[in-house]
Full PDB file with SEQRES, HELIX, SHEET, SSBOND, CRYST1, ORIGX, SCALE, CONECT and MASTER records, all heavy atoms in Angstrom:
SEQRES   1 A   31  VAL LEU GLY GLY VAL LEU ALA ALA VAL LEU TYR ALA ARG          
SEQRES   2 A   31  PHE LEU GLY GLN GLY GLN ASP PRO ALA GLN ALA GLU ASN          
SEQRES   3 A   31  ALA ALA GLU THR ALA                                          
HELIX    1 AA1 LEU A    2  LEU A   10  1                                   9    
HELIX    2 AA2 TYR A   11  LEU A   15  3                                   5    
HELIX    3 AA3 PRO A   21  THR A   30  1                                  10    
CRYST1    1.000    1.000    1.000  90.00  90.00  90.00 P 1           1          
ORIGX1      1.000000  0.000000  0.000000        0.00000                         
ORIGX2      0.000000  1.000000  0.000000        0.00000                         
ORIGX3      0.000000  0.000000  1.000000        0.00000                         
SCALE1      1.000000  0.000000  0.000000        0.00000                         
SCALE2      0.000000  1.000000  0.000000        0.00000                         
SCALE3      0.000000  0.000000  1.000000        0.00000                         
ATOM      1  N   VAL A   1       9.825  13.962  16.353  1.00  0.00           N  
ATOM      2  CA  VAL A   1      10.008  12.467  16.158  1.00  0.00           C  
ATOM      3  C   VAL A   1       8.664  11.786  16.097  1.00  0.00           C  
ATOM      4  O   VAL A   1       8.304  10.972  15.271  1.00  0.00           O  
ATOM      5  CB  VAL A   1      10.649  11.911  17.400  1.00  0.00           C  
ATOM      6  CG1 VAL A   1      10.616  10.431  17.408  1.00  0.00           C  
ATOM      7  CG2 VAL A   1      12.145  12.359  17.326  1.00  0.00           C  
ATOM      8  N   LEU A   2       7.559  12.349  16.894  1.00  0.00           N  
ATOM      9  CA  LEU A   2       6.205  11.705  16.723  1.00  0.00           C  
ATOM     10  C   LEU A   2       5.522  12.084  15.483  1.00  0.00           C  
ATOM     11  O   LEU A   2       5.078  11.206  14.791  1.00  0.00           O  
ATOM     12  CB  LEU A   2       5.363  12.321  17.914  1.00  0.00           C  
ATOM     13  CG  LEU A   2       3.905  11.782  17.868  1.00  0.00           C  
ATOM     14  CD1 LEU A   2       3.777  10.333  18.017  1.00  0.00           C  
ATOM     15  CD2 LEU A   2       3.104  12.584  18.968  1.00  0.00           C  
ATOM     16  N   GLY A   3       5.668  13.258  14.965  1.00  0.00           N  
ATOM     17  CA  GLY A   3       5.153  13.771  13.698  1.00  0.00           C  
ATOM     18  C   GLY A   3       5.811  12.940  12.565  1.00  0.00           C  
ATOM     19  O   GLY A   3       5.114  12.508  11.630  1.00  0.00           O  
ATOM     20  N   GLY A   4       7.088  12.794  12.556  1.00  0.00           N  
ATOM     21  CA  GLY A   4       7.741  12.163  11.583  1.00  0.00           C  
ATOM     22  C   GLY A   4       7.384  10.641  11.488  1.00  0.00           C  
ATOM     23  O   GLY A   4       7.145  10.096  10.308  1.00  0.00           O  
ATOM     24  N   VAL A   5       7.339   9.962  12.529  1.00  0.00           N  
ATOM     25  CA  VAL A   5       6.994   8.491  12.646  1.00  0.00           C  
ATOM     26  C   VAL A   5       5.500   8.373  12.116  1.00  0.00           C  
ATOM     27  O   VAL A   5       5.320   7.378  11.348  1.00  0.00           O  
ATOM     28  CB  VAL A   5       7.156   7.958  14.086  1.00  0.00           C  
ATOM     29  CG1 VAL A   5       6.420   6.633  14.277  1.00  0.00           C  
ATOM     30  CG2 VAL A   5       8.640   7.994  14.395  1.00  0.00           C  
ATOM     31  N   LEU A   6       4.642   9.136  12.599  1.00  0.00           N  
ATOM     32  CA  LEU A   6       3.295   9.069  12.096  1.00  0.00           C  
ATOM     33  C   LEU A   6       3.158   9.191  10.569  1.00  0.00           C  
ATOM     34  O   LEU A   6       2.437   8.442   9.976  1.00  0.00           O  
ATOM     35  CB  LEU A   6       2.352  10.130  12.741  1.00  0.00           C  
ATOM     36  CG  LEU A   6       2.095   9.837  14.311  1.00  0.00           C  
ATOM     37  CD1 LEU A   6       1.232  11.018  14.835  1.00  0.00           C  
ATOM     38  CD2 LEU A   6       1.326   8.542  14.494  1.00  0.00           C  
ATOM     39  N   ALA A   7       3.816  10.222  10.122  1.00  0.00           N  
ATOM     40  CA  ALA A   7       3.861  10.499   8.568  1.00  0.00           C  
ATOM     41  C   ALA A   7       4.411   9.155   7.819  1.00  0.00           C  
ATOM     42  O   ALA A   7       3.888   8.712   6.824  1.00  0.00           O  
ATOM     43  CB  ALA A   7       4.709  11.661   8.273  1.00  0.00           C  
ATOM     44  N   ALA A   8       5.527   8.716   8.266  1.00  0.00           N  
ATOM     45  CA  ALA A   8       6.127   7.503   7.700  1.00  0.00           C  
ATOM     46  C   ALA A   8       5.220   6.385   7.771  1.00  0.00           C  
ATOM     47  O   ALA A   8       5.179   5.552   6.660  1.00  0.00           O  
ATOM     48  CB  ALA A   8       7.523   7.213   8.297  1.00  0.00           C  
ATOM     49  N   VAL A   9       4.687   6.129   8.916  1.00  0.00           N  
ATOM     50  CA  VAL A   9       3.824   4.921   8.972  1.00  0.00           C  
ATOM     51  C   VAL A   9       2.528   5.108   8.063  1.00  0.00           C  
ATOM     52  O   VAL A   9       2.060   4.156   7.476  1.00  0.00           O  
ATOM     53  CB  VAL A   9       3.330   4.803  10.455  1.00  0.00           C  
ATOM     54  CG1 VAL A   9       2.145   3.819  10.634  1.00  0.00           C  
ATOM     55  CG2 VAL A   9       4.407   4.353  11.305  1.00  0.00           C  
ATOM     56  N   LEU A  10       1.979   6.250   8.100  1.00  0.00           N  
ATOM     57  CA  LEU A  10       0.785   6.544   7.247  1.00  0.00           C  
ATOM     58  C   LEU A  10       1.152   6.227   5.726  1.00  0.00           C  
ATOM     59  O   LEU A  10       0.265   5.574   5.022  1.00  0.00           O  
ATOM     60  CB  LEU A  10       0.348   8.019   7.308  1.00  0.00           C  
ATOM     61  CG  LEU A  10      -0.699   8.526   6.329  1.00  0.00           C  
ATOM     62  CD1 LEU A  10      -1.986   7.853   6.833  1.00  0.00           C  
ATOM     63  CD2 LEU A  10      -0.947  10.018   6.479  1.00  0.00           C  
ATOM     64  N   TYR A  11       2.271   6.678   5.338  1.00  0.00           N  
ATOM     65  CA  TYR A  11       2.687   6.604   3.910  1.00  0.00           C  
ATOM     66  C   TYR A  11       2.903   5.120   3.545  1.00  0.00           C  
ATOM     67  O   TYR A  11       2.427   4.443   2.573  1.00  0.00           O  
ATOM     68  CB  TYR A  11       3.818   7.337   3.447  1.00  0.00           C  
ATOM     69  CG  TYR A  11       4.130   7.348   2.042  1.00  0.00           C  
ATOM     70  CD1 TYR A  11       3.416   8.196   1.169  1.00  0.00           C  
ATOM     71  CD2 TYR A  11       5.118   6.393   1.514  1.00  0.00           C  
ATOM     72  CE1 TYR A  11       3.625   8.079  -0.269  1.00  0.00           C  
ATOM     73  CE2 TYR A  11       5.250   6.397   0.063  1.00  0.00           C  
ATOM     74  CZ  TYR A  11       4.580   7.199  -0.760  1.00  0.00           C  
ATOM     75  OH  TYR A  11       4.772   7.199  -2.063  1.00  0.00           O  
ATOM     76  N   ALA A  12       3.515   4.412   4.571  1.00  0.00           N  
ATOM     77  CA  ALA A  12       3.873   2.916   4.285  1.00  0.00           C  
ATOM     78  C   ALA A  12       2.744   2.121   4.368  1.00  0.00           C  
ATOM     79  O   ALA A  12       2.517   1.103   3.525  1.00  0.00           O  
ATOM     80  CB  ALA A  12       4.900   2.500   5.410  1.00  0.00           C  
ATOM     81  N   ARG A  13       1.774   2.447   5.219  1.00  0.00           N  
ATOM     82  CA  ARG A  13       0.567   1.507   5.262  1.00  0.00           C  
ATOM     83  C   ARG A  13      -0.652   1.878   4.455  1.00  0.00           C  
ATOM     84  O   ARG A  13      -1.197   0.947   3.858  1.00  0.00           O  
ATOM     85  CB  ARG A  13      -0.002   1.696   6.754  1.00  0.00           C  
ATOM     86  CG  ARG A  13       0.934   1.243   7.820  1.00  0.00           C  
ATOM     87  CD  ARG A  13       0.980  -0.279   7.998  1.00  0.00           C  
ATOM     88  NE  ARG A  13       1.942  -0.702   9.086  1.00  0.00           N  
ATOM     89  CZ  ARG A  13       1.596  -0.758  10.260  1.00  0.00           C  
ATOM     90  NH1 ARG A  13       0.369  -0.544  10.706  1.00  0.00           N  
ATOM     91  NH2 ARG A  13       2.304  -1.340  11.209  1.00  0.00           N  
ATOM     92  N   PHE A  14      -0.730   3.077   3.967  1.00  0.00           N  
ATOM     93  CA  PHE A  14      -1.955   3.540   3.356  1.00  0.00           C  
ATOM     94  C   PHE A  14      -1.682   4.275   1.957  1.00  0.00           C  
ATOM     95  O   PHE A  14      -2.582   4.204   1.053  1.00  0.00           O  
ATOM     96  CB  PHE A  14      -2.894   4.328   4.229  1.00  0.00           C  
ATOM     97  CG  PHE A  14      -3.256   3.730   5.385  1.00  0.00           C  
ATOM     98  CD1 PHE A  14      -2.673   4.094   6.750  1.00  0.00           C  
ATOM     99  CD2 PHE A  14      -4.196   2.786   5.434  1.00  0.00           C  
ATOM    100  CE1 PHE A  14      -3.093   3.495   7.908  1.00  0.00           C  
ATOM    101  CE2 PHE A  14      -4.581   2.075   6.646  1.00  0.00           C  
ATOM    102  CZ  PHE A  14      -4.017   2.528   7.915  1.00  0.00           C  
ATOM    103  N   LEU A  15      -0.568   4.984   1.947  1.00  0.00           N  
ATOM    104  CA  LEU A  15      -0.395   5.812   0.734  1.00  0.00           C  
ATOM    105  C   LEU A  15       0.590   5.479  -0.251  1.00  0.00           C  
ATOM    106  O   LEU A  15       0.822   5.941  -1.359  1.00  0.00           O  
ATOM    107  CB  LEU A  15      -0.131   7.212   1.249  1.00  0.00           C  
ATOM    108  CG  LEU A  15      -1.054   7.922   2.173  1.00  0.00           C  
ATOM    109  CD1 LEU A  15      -0.682   9.269   2.671  1.00  0.00           C  
ATOM    110  CD2 LEU A  15      -2.535   8.050   1.431  1.00  0.00           C  
ATOM    111  N   GLY A  16       1.414   4.458   0.097  1.00  0.00           N  
ATOM    112  CA  GLY A  16       2.535   4.063  -0.631  1.00  0.00           C  
ATOM    113  C   GLY A  16       2.046   3.255  -2.046  1.00  0.00           C  
ATOM    114  O   GLY A  16       0.821   3.087  -2.138  1.00  0.00           O  
ATOM    115  N   GLN A  17       3.001   2.993  -2.764  1.00  0.00           N  
ATOM    116  CA  GLN A  17       2.719   2.282  -4.090  1.00  0.00           C  
ATOM    117  C   GLN A  17       1.820   1.010  -3.855  1.00  0.00           C  
ATOM    118  O   GLN A  17       2.174   0.132  -3.247  1.00  0.00           O  
ATOM    119  CB  GLN A  17       4.027   1.906  -4.857  1.00  0.00           C  
ATOM    120  CG  GLN A  17       3.675   1.450  -6.201  1.00  0.00           C  
ATOM    121  CD  GLN A  17       4.910   1.667  -7.142  1.00  0.00           C  
ATOM    122  OE1 GLN A  17       5.975   2.068  -6.650  1.00  0.00           O  
ATOM    123  NE2 GLN A  17       4.843   1.148  -8.366  1.00  0.00           N  
ATOM    124  N   GLY A  18       0.727   1.158  -4.454  1.00  0.00           N  
ATOM    125  CA  GLY A  18      -0.259  -0.060  -4.354  1.00  0.00           C  
ATOM    126  C   GLY A  18      -0.349  -0.816  -5.716  1.00  0.00           C  
ATOM    127  O   GLY A  18       0.408  -0.589  -6.569  1.00  0.00           O  
ATOM    128  N   GLN A  19      -1.320  -1.494  -5.763  1.00  0.00           N  
ATOM    129  CA  GLN A  19      -1.461  -2.397  -6.926  1.00  0.00           C  
ATOM    130  C   GLN A  19      -2.899  -2.109  -7.600  1.00  0.00           C  
ATOM    131  O   GLN A  19      -3.856  -1.937  -6.910  1.00  0.00           O  
ATOM    132  CB  GLN A  19      -1.508  -3.891  -6.529  1.00  0.00           C  
ATOM    133  CG  GLN A  19      -1.401  -4.787  -7.831  1.00  0.00           C  
ATOM    134  CD  GLN A  19      -1.239  -6.249  -7.444  1.00  0.00           C  
ATOM    135  OE1 GLN A  19      -1.589  -6.649  -6.289  1.00  0.00           O  
ATOM    136  NE2 GLN A  19      -0.679  -7.104  -8.236  1.00  0.00           N  
ATOM    137  N   ASP A  20      -2.778  -1.944  -9.018  1.00  0.00           N  
ATOM    138  CA  ASP A  20      -4.085  -1.738  -9.656  1.00  0.00           C  
ATOM    139  C   ASP A  20      -5.145  -2.685  -9.302  1.00  0.00           C  
ATOM    140  O   ASP A  20      -4.635  -4.033  -9.361  1.00  0.00           O  
ATOM    141  CB  ASP A  20      -3.774  -1.610 -11.199  1.00  0.00           C  
ATOM    142  CG  ASP A  20      -5.024  -1.248 -12.003  1.00  0.00           C  
ATOM    143  OD1 ASP A  20      -5.345  -0.135 -12.087  1.00  0.00           O  
ATOM    144  OD2 ASP A  20      -5.727  -2.257 -12.322  1.00  0.00           O  
ATOM    145  N   PRO A  21      -6.422  -2.452  -9.071  1.00  0.00           N  
ATOM    146  CA  PRO A  21      -7.363  -3.421  -8.731  1.00  0.00           C  
ATOM    147  C   PRO A  21      -7.453  -4.564  -9.737  1.00  0.00           C  
ATOM    148  O   PRO A  21      -7.687  -5.720  -9.447  1.00  0.00           O  
ATOM    149  CB  PRO A  21      -8.712  -2.636  -8.667  1.00  0.00           C  
ATOM    150  CG  PRO A  21      -8.323  -1.263  -8.251  1.00  0.00           C  
ATOM    151  CD  PRO A  21      -7.025  -1.035  -9.029  1.00  0.00           C  
ATOM    152  N   ALA A  22      -7.419  -4.263 -11.015  1.00  0.00           N  
ATOM    153  CA  ALA A  22      -7.468  -5.350 -12.105  1.00  0.00           C  
ATOM    154  C   ALA A  22      -6.255  -6.197 -11.989  1.00  0.00           C  
ATOM    155  O   ALA A  22      -6.398  -7.411 -12.193  1.00  0.00           O  
ATOM    156  CB  ALA A  22      -7.526  -4.659 -13.399  1.00  0.00           C  
ATOM    157  N   GLN A  23      -5.157  -5.597 -11.708  1.00  0.00           N  
ATOM    158  CA  GLN A  23      -3.938  -6.487 -11.533  1.00  0.00           C  
ATOM    159  C   GLN A  23      -3.994  -7.432 -10.364  1.00  0.00           C  
ATOM    160  O   GLN A  23      -3.541  -8.506 -10.388  1.00  0.00           O  
ATOM    161  CB  GLN A  23      -2.663  -5.582 -11.503  1.00  0.00           C  
ATOM    162  CG  GLN A  23      -2.380  -4.870 -12.719  1.00  0.00           C  
ATOM    163  CD  GLN A  23      -1.108  -3.876 -12.603  1.00  0.00           C  
ATOM    164  OE1 GLN A  23      -0.795  -3.523 -11.514  1.00  0.00           O  
ATOM    165  NE2 GLN A  23      -0.541  -3.629 -13.713  1.00  0.00           N  
ATOM    166  N   ALA A  24      -4.579  -6.832  -9.226  1.00  0.00           N  
ATOM    167  CA  ALA A  24      -4.753  -7.649  -8.002  1.00  0.00           C  
ATOM    168  C   ALA A  24      -5.730  -8.704  -8.224  1.00  0.00           C  
ATOM    169  O   ALA A  24      -5.351  -9.826  -7.796  1.00  0.00           O  
ATOM    170  CB  ALA A  24      -5.150  -6.714  -6.862  1.00  0.00           C  
ATOM    171  N   GLU A  25      -6.785  -8.522  -9.002  1.00  0.00           N  
ATOM    172  CA  GLU A  25      -7.660  -9.558  -9.174  1.00  0.00           C  
ATOM    173  C   GLU A  25      -7.015 -10.752 -10.154  1.00  0.00           C  
ATOM    174  O   GLU A  25      -7.282 -11.868  -9.966  1.00  0.00           O  
ATOM    175  CB  GLU A  25      -8.809  -8.939  -9.992  1.00  0.00           C  
ATOM    176  CG  GLU A  25     -10.030 -10.006 -10.214  1.00  0.00           C  
ATOM    177  CD  GLU A  25     -11.304  -9.342 -10.879  1.00  0.00           C  
ATOM    178  OE1 GLU A  25     -11.347  -8.129 -10.914  1.00  0.00           O  
ATOM    179  OE2 GLU A  25     -12.132 -10.080 -11.352  1.00  0.00           O  
ATOM    180  N   ASN A  26      -6.308 -10.146 -11.129  1.00  0.00           N  
ATOM    181  CA  ASN A  26      -5.637 -11.145 -12.086  1.00  0.00           C  
ATOM    182  C   ASN A  26      -4.611 -12.009 -11.249  1.00  0.00           C  
ATOM    183  O   ASN A  26      -4.500 -13.240 -11.499  1.00  0.00           O  
ATOM    184  CB  ASN A  26      -4.927 -10.566 -13.131  1.00  0.00           C  
ATOM    185  CG  ASN A  26      -5.967  -9.911 -14.182  1.00  0.00           C  
ATOM    186  OD1 ASN A  26      -7.120 -10.370 -14.311  1.00  0.00           O  
ATOM    187  ND2 ASN A  26      -5.489  -8.868 -14.798  1.00  0.00           N  
ATOM    188  N   ALA A  27      -3.895 -11.315 -10.272  1.00  0.00           N  
ATOM    189  CA  ALA A  27      -2.933 -12.081  -9.560  1.00  0.00           C  
ATOM    190  C   ALA A  27      -3.581 -13.073  -8.683  1.00  0.00           C  
ATOM    191  O   ALA A  27      -3.019 -14.120  -8.434  1.00  0.00           O  
ATOM    192  CB  ALA A  27      -2.079 -11.050  -8.779  1.00  0.00           C  
ATOM    193  N   ALA A  28      -4.707 -12.781  -8.029  1.00  0.00           N  
ATOM    194  CA  ALA A  28      -5.484 -13.670  -7.245  1.00  0.00           C  
ATOM    195  C   ALA A  28      -6.013 -14.817  -8.036  1.00  0.00           C  
ATOM    196  O   ALA A  28      -5.853 -16.000  -7.490  1.00  0.00           O  
ATOM    197  CB  ALA A  28      -6.585 -12.864  -6.586  1.00  0.00           C  
ATOM    198  N   GLU A  29      -6.499 -14.624  -9.204  1.00  0.00           N  
ATOM    199  CA  GLU A  29      -6.952 -15.670 -10.058  1.00  0.00           C  
ATOM    200  C   GLU A  29      -5.851 -16.633 -10.565  1.00  0.00           C  
ATOM    201  O   GLU A  29      -5.893 -17.891 -10.544  1.00  0.00           O  
ATOM    202  CB  GLU A  29      -7.565 -15.153 -11.325  1.00  0.00           C  
ATOM    203  CG  GLU A  29      -8.937 -14.367 -11.007  1.00  0.00           C  
ATOM    204  CD  GLU A  29      -9.497 -13.901 -12.232  1.00  0.00           C  
ATOM    205  OE1 GLU A  29      -8.841 -13.843 -13.303  1.00  0.00           O  
ATOM    206  OE2 GLU A  29     -10.637 -13.305 -12.189  1.00  0.00           O  
ATOM    207  N   THR A  30      -4.582 -16.035 -10.767  1.00  0.00           N  
ATOM    208  CA  THR A  30      -3.396 -16.754 -11.192  1.00  0.00           C  
ATOM    209  C   THR A  30      -2.955 -17.741 -10.045  1.00  0.00           C  
ATOM    210  O   THR A  30      -2.670 -18.838 -10.224  1.00  0.00           O  
ATOM    211  CB  THR A  30      -2.263 -15.901 -11.575  1.00  0.00           C  
ATOM    212  OG1 THR A  30      -2.699 -15.115 -12.707  1.00  0.00           O  
ATOM    213  CG2 THR A  30      -1.046 -16.741 -11.976  1.00  0.00           C  
ATOM    214  N   ALA A  31      -3.051 -17.099  -8.793  1.00  0.00           N  
ATOM    215  CA  ALA A  31      -2.635 -17.875  -7.593  1.00  0.00           C  
ATOM    216  C   ALA A  31      -3.566 -18.961  -7.381  1.00  0.00           C  
ATOM    217  O   ALA A  31      -3.118 -20.064  -6.869  1.00  0.00           O  
ATOM    218  CB  ALA A  31      -2.473 -16.869  -6.369  1.00  0.00           C  
TER     219      ALA A  31                                                      
MASTER        0    0    0    3    0    0    0    6  218    1    0    3          
END                                                                             
């Protein structure tokens, strides 16, 4: 249970689908 929770949290917080830096910058400028 501990190992599974740590893995899921790691993926959700740091390894999951992110945003391309250029897209993030464009989104920030649009906002």
